[in-house]
Amino acid sequence: MATDLLTDPRLWSGIFWTLVGVGFWIAGPIVGYLLWKRWRGPDEEDG
């Protein structure tokens, strides 16, 4: 039973897309914040 589950492509597809979704959920705001800071940086430094 366990070996059948481990070789089920649907299981790995589900795990893969779950990790992709979580990765985007975590990295999205961080990347967005860094890009926003980089874009806003020069304006704030100029005063």
PDB file of N, CA and C in Angstrom:
ATOM      1  N   MET A   1       0.836  -1.205   0.000  1.00  0.00           N
ATOM      2  CA  MET A   1       0.000   0.000   0.000  1.00  0.00           C
ATOM      3  C   MET A   1       0.877   1.265   0.000  1.00  0.00           C
ATOM      4  N   ALA A   2       1.864   1.271   0.878  1.00  0.00           N
ATOM      5  CA  ALA A   2       2.721   2.458   0.977  1.00  0.00           C
ATOM      6  C   ALA A   2       3.523   2.663  -0.308  1.00  0.00           C
ATOM      7  N   THR A   3       4.014   1.555  -0.882  1.00  0.00           N
ATOM      8  CA  THR A   3       4.802   1.681  -2.112  1.00  0.00           C
ATOM      9  C   THR A   3       3.932   2.178  -3.261  1.00  0.00           C
ATOM     10  N   ASP A   4       2.679   1.739  -3.309  1.00  0.00           N
ATOM     11  CA  ASP A   4       1.765   2.224  -4.350  1.00  0.00           C
ATOM     12  C   ASP A   4       1.537   3.727  -4.186  1.00  0.00           C
ATOM     13  N   LEU A   5       1.427   4.173  -2.943  1.00  0.00           N
ATOM     14  CA  LEU A   5       1.197   5.588  -2.672  1.00  0.00           C
ATOM     15  C   LEU A   5       2.426   6.414  -3.071  1.00  0.00           C
ATOM     16  N   LEU A   6       3.608   5.887  -2.762  1.00  0.00           N
ATOM     17  CA  LEU A   6       4.841   6.621  -3.053  1.00  0.00           C
ATOM     18  C   LEU A   6       5.120   6.716  -4.545  1.00  0.00           C
ATOM     19  N   THR A   7       4.597   5.766  -5.322  1.00  0.00           N
ATOM     20  CA  THR A   7       4.833   5.801  -6.767  1.00  0.00           C
ATOM     21  C   THR A   7       3.675   6.456  -7.515  1.00  0.00           C
ATOM     22  N   ASP A   8       2.690   6.962  -6.778  1.00  0.00           N
ATOM     23  CA  ASP A   8       1.530   7.600  -7.412  1.00  0.00           C
ATOM     24  C   ASP A   8       1.925   8.995  -7.890  1.00  0.00           C
ATOM     25  N   PRO A   9       1.919   9.235  -9.200  1.00  0.00           N
ATOM     26  CA  PRO A   9       2.324  10.551  -9.710  1.00  0.00           C
ATOM     27  C   PRO A   9       1.427  11.675  -9.223  1.00  0.00           C
ATOM     28  N   ARG A  10       0.166  11.358  -8.926  1.00  0.00           N
ATOM     29  CA  ARG A  10      -0.740  12.406  -8.435  1.00  0.00           C
ATOM     30  C   ARG A  10      -0.285  12.922  -7.078  1.00  0.00           C
ATOM     31  N   LEU A  11       0.266  12.020  -6.254  1.00  0.00           N
ATOM     32  CA  LEU A  11       0.767  12.433  -4.940  1.00  0.00           C
ATOM     33  C   LEU A  11       1.916  13.413  -5.096  1.00  0.00           C
ATOM     34  N   TRP A  12       2.877  13.058  -5.957  1.00  0.00           N
ATOM     35  CA  TRP A  12       4.039  13.927  -6.149  1.00  0.00           C
ATOM     36  C   TRP A  12       3.646  15.235  -6.821  1.00  0.00           C
ATOM     37  N   SER A  13       2.675  15.170  -7.735  1.00  0.00           N
ATOM     38  CA  SER A  13       2.192  16.390  -8.371  1.00  0.00           C
ATOM     39  C   SER A  13       1.558  17.303  -7.327  1.00  0.00           C
ATOM     40  N   GLY A  14       0.774  16.704  -6.434  1.00  0.00           N
ATOM     41  CA  GLY A  14       0.139  17.489  -5.373  1.00  0.00           C
ATOM     42  C   GLY A  14       1.165  18.104  -4.442  1.00  0.00           C
ATOM     43  N   ILE A  15       2.174  17.323  -4.057  1.00  0.00           N
ATOM     44  CA  ILE A  15       3.223  17.842  -3.172  1.00  0.00           C
ATOM     45  C   ILE A  15       3.993  18.960  -3.868  1.00  0.00           C
ATOM     46  N   PHE A  16       4.336  18.742  -5.138  1.00  0.00           N
ATOM     47  CA  PHE A  16       5.099  19.735  -5.895  1.00  0.00           C
ATOM     48  C   PHE A  16       4.354  21.056  -5.978  1.00  0.00           C
ATOM     49  N   TRP A  17       3.079  21.006  -6.376  1.00  0.00           N
ATOM     50  CA  TRP A  17       2.316  22.238  -6.534  1.00  0.00           C
ATOM     51  C   TRP A  17       2.019  22.899  -5.199  1.00  0.00           C
ATOM     52  N   THR A  18       1.912  22.084  -4.127  1.00  0.00           N
ATOM     53  CA  THR A  18       1.745  22.667  -2.793  1.00  0.00           C
ATOM     54  C   THR A  18       2.995  23.451  -2.408  1.00  0.00           C
ATOM     55  N   LEU A  19       4.171  22.867  -2.658  1.00  0.00           N
ATOM     56  CA  LEU A  19       5.418  23.563  -2.348  1.00  0.00           C
ATOM     57  C   LEU A  19       5.578  24.817  -3.203  1.00  0.00           C
ATOM     58  N   VAL A  20       5.196  24.721  -4.471  1.00  0.00           N
ATOM     59  CA  VAL A  20       5.268  25.894  -5.351  1.00  0.00           C
ATOM     60  C   VAL A  20       4.355  27.002  -4.824  1.00  0.00           C
ATOM     61  N   GLY A  21       3.132  26.618  -4.441  1.00  0.00           N
ATOM     62  CA  GLY A  21       2.185  27.604  -3.921  1.00  0.00           C
ATOM     63  C   GLY A  21       2.684  28.255  -2.646  1.00  0.00           C
ATOM     64  N   VAL A  22       3.194  27.442  -1.724  1.00  0.00           N
ATOM     65  CA  VAL A  22       3.716  27.983  -0.467  1.00  0.00           C
ATOM     66  C   VAL A  22       4.933  28.864  -0.733  1.00  0.00           C
ATOM     67  N   GLY A  23       5.773  28.432  -1.681  1.00  0.00           N
ATOM     68  CA  GLY A  23       6.955  29.216  -2.020  1.00  0.00           C
ATOM     69  C   GLY A  23       6.583  30.596  -2.551  1.00  0.00           C
ATOM     70  N   PHE A  24       5.604  30.645  -3.443  1.00  0.00           N
ATOM     71  CA  PHE A  24       5.143  31.933  -3.960  1.00  0.00           C
ATOM     72  C   PHE A  24       4.514  32.766  -2.855  1.00  0.00           C
ATOM     73  N   TRP A  25       3.769  32.111  -1.944  1.00  0.00           N
ATOM     74  CA  TRP A  25       3.079  32.816  -0.864  1.00  0.00           C
ATOM     75  C   TRP A  25       4.081  33.464   0.084  1.00  0.00           C
ATOM     76  N   ILE A  26       5.224  32.775   0.295  1.00  0.00           N
ATOM     77  CA  ILE A  26       6.251  33.311   1.191  1.00  0.00           C
ATOM     78  C   ILE A  26       7.145  34.311   0.456  1.00  0.00           C
ATOM     79  N   ALA A  27       7.591  33.943  -0.748  1.00  0.00           N
ATOM     80  CA  ALA A  27       8.557  34.768  -1.472  1.00  0.00           C
ATOM     81  C   ALA A  27       7.904  35.990  -2.117  1.00  0.00           C
ATOM     82  N   GLY A  28       6.641  35.886  -2.482  1.00  0.00           N
ATOM     83  CA  GLY A  28       5.950  36.981  -3.162  1.00  0.00           C
ATOM     84  C   GLY A  28       6.044  38.312  -2.433  1.00  0.00           C
ATOM     85  N   PRO A  29       5.571  38.373  -1.177  1.00  0.00           N
ATOM     86  CA  PRO A  29       5.646  39.633  -0.430  1.00  0.00           C
ATOM     87  C   PRO A  29       7.080  40.111  -0.211  1.00  0.00           C
ATOM     88  N   ILE A  30       8.018  39.187  -0.001  1.00  0.00           N
ATOM     89  CA  ILE A  30       9.415  39.571   0.229  1.00  0.00           C
ATOM     90  C   ILE A  30      10.001  40.196  -1.026  1.00  0.00           C
ATOM     91  N   VAL A  31       9.799  39.533  -2.169  1.00  0.00           N
ATOM     92  CA  VAL A  31      10.307  40.060  -3.442  1.00  0.00           C
ATOM     93  C   VAL A  31       9.636  41.391  -3.764  1.00  0.00           C
ATOM     94  N   GLY A  32       8.329  41.462  -3.563  1.00  0.00           N
ATOM     95  CA  GLY A  32       7.604  42.704  -3.813  1.00  0.00           C
ATOM     96  C   GLY A  32       8.116  43.848  -2.951  1.00  0.00           C
ATOM     97  N   TYR A  33       8.385  43.565  -1.678  1.00  0.00           N
ATOM     98  CA  TYR A  33       8.890  44.590  -0.765  1.00  0.00           C
ATOM     99  C   TYR A  33      10.275  45.062  -1.184  1.00  0.00           C
ATOM    100  N   LEU A  34      11.139  44.108  -1.560  1.00  0.00           N
ATOM    101  CA  LEU A  34      12.489  44.477  -1.980  1.00  0.00           C
ATOM    102  C   LEU A  34      12.459  45.309  -3.258  1.00  0.00           C
ATOM    103  N   LEU A  35      11.610  44.915  -4.222  1.00  0.00           N
ATOM    104  CA  LEU A  35      11.495  45.690  -5.453  1.00  0.00           C
ATOM    105  C   LEU A  35      10.933  47.075  -5.167  1.00  0.00           C
ATOM    106  N   TRP A  36       9.957  47.159  -4.256  1.00  0.00           N
ATOM    107  CA  TRP A  36       9.362  48.449  -3.910  1.00  0.00           C
ATOM    108  C   TRP A  36      10.393  49.343  -3.241  1.00  0.00           C
ATOM    109  N   LYS A  37      11.180  48.770  -2.324  1.00  0.00           N
ATOM    110  CA  LYS A  37      12.221  49.544  -1.646  1.00  0.00           C
ATOM    111  C   LYS A  37      13.259  50.030  -2.643  1.00  0.00           C
ATOM    112  N   ARG A  38      13.637  49.162  -3.564  1.00  0.00           N
ATOM    113  CA  ARG A  38      14.644  49.524  -4.560  1.00  0.00           C
ATOM    114  C   ARG A  38      14.113  50.625  -5.481  1.00  0.00           C
ATOM    115  N   TRP A  39      12.830  50.537  -5.798  1.00  0.00           N
ATOM    116  CA  TRP A  39      12.223  51.516  -6.698  1.00  0.00           C
ATOM    117  C   TRP A  39      12.034  52.856  -5.991  1.00  0.00           C
ATOM    118  N   ARG A  40      11.681  52.805  -4.688  1.00  0.00           N
ATOM    119  CA  ARG A  40      11.432  54.022  -3.930  1.00  0.00           C
ATOM    120  C   ARG A  40      12.705  54.623  -3.352  1.00  0.00           C
ATOM    121  N   GLY A  41      13.769  53.818  -3.239  1.00  0.00           N
ATOM    122  CA  GLY A  41      14.997  54.231  -2.566  1.00  0.00           C
ATOM    123  C   GLY A  41      15.557  55.581  -3.006  1.00  0.00           C
ATOM    124  N   PRO A  42      15.873  55.773  -4.292  1.00  0.00           N
ATOM    125  CA  PRO A  42      16.495  57.021  -4.747  1.00  0.00           C
ATOM    126  C   PRO A  42      15.658  58.246  -4.419  1.00  0.00           C
ATOM    127  N   ASP A  43      14.336  58.151  -4.541  1.00  0.00           N
ATOM    128  CA  ASP A  43      13.472  59.294  -4.246  1.00  0.00           C
ATOM    129  C   ASP A  43      13.599  59.710  -2.788  1.00  0.00           C
ATOM    130  N   GLU A  44      13.655  58.733  -1.892  1.00  0.00           N
ATOM    131  CA  GLU A  44      13.736  59.044  -0.467  1.00  0.00           C
ATOM    132  C   GLU A  44      15.120  59.572  -0.098  1.00  0.00           C
ATOM    133  N   GLU A  45      16.153  59.082  -0.762  1.00  0.00           N
ATOM    134  CA  GLU A  45      17.506  59.538  -0.464  1.00  0.00           C
ATOM    135  C   GLU A  45      17.719  60.978  -0.932  1.00  0.00           C
ATOM    136  N   ASP A  46      17.038  61.353  -2.020  1.00  0.00           N
ATOM    137  CA  ASP A  46      17.161  62.724  -2.517  1.00  0.00           C
ATOM    138  C   ASP A  46      16.491  63.709  -1.580  1.00  0.00           C
ATOM    139  N   GLY A  47      15.591  63.222  -0.736  1.00  0.00           N
ATOM    140  CA  GLY A  47      14.913  64.098   0.202  1.00  0.00           C
ATOM    141  C   GLY A  47      13.647  64.612  -0.396  1.00  0.00           C
TER     142      GLY A  47
END
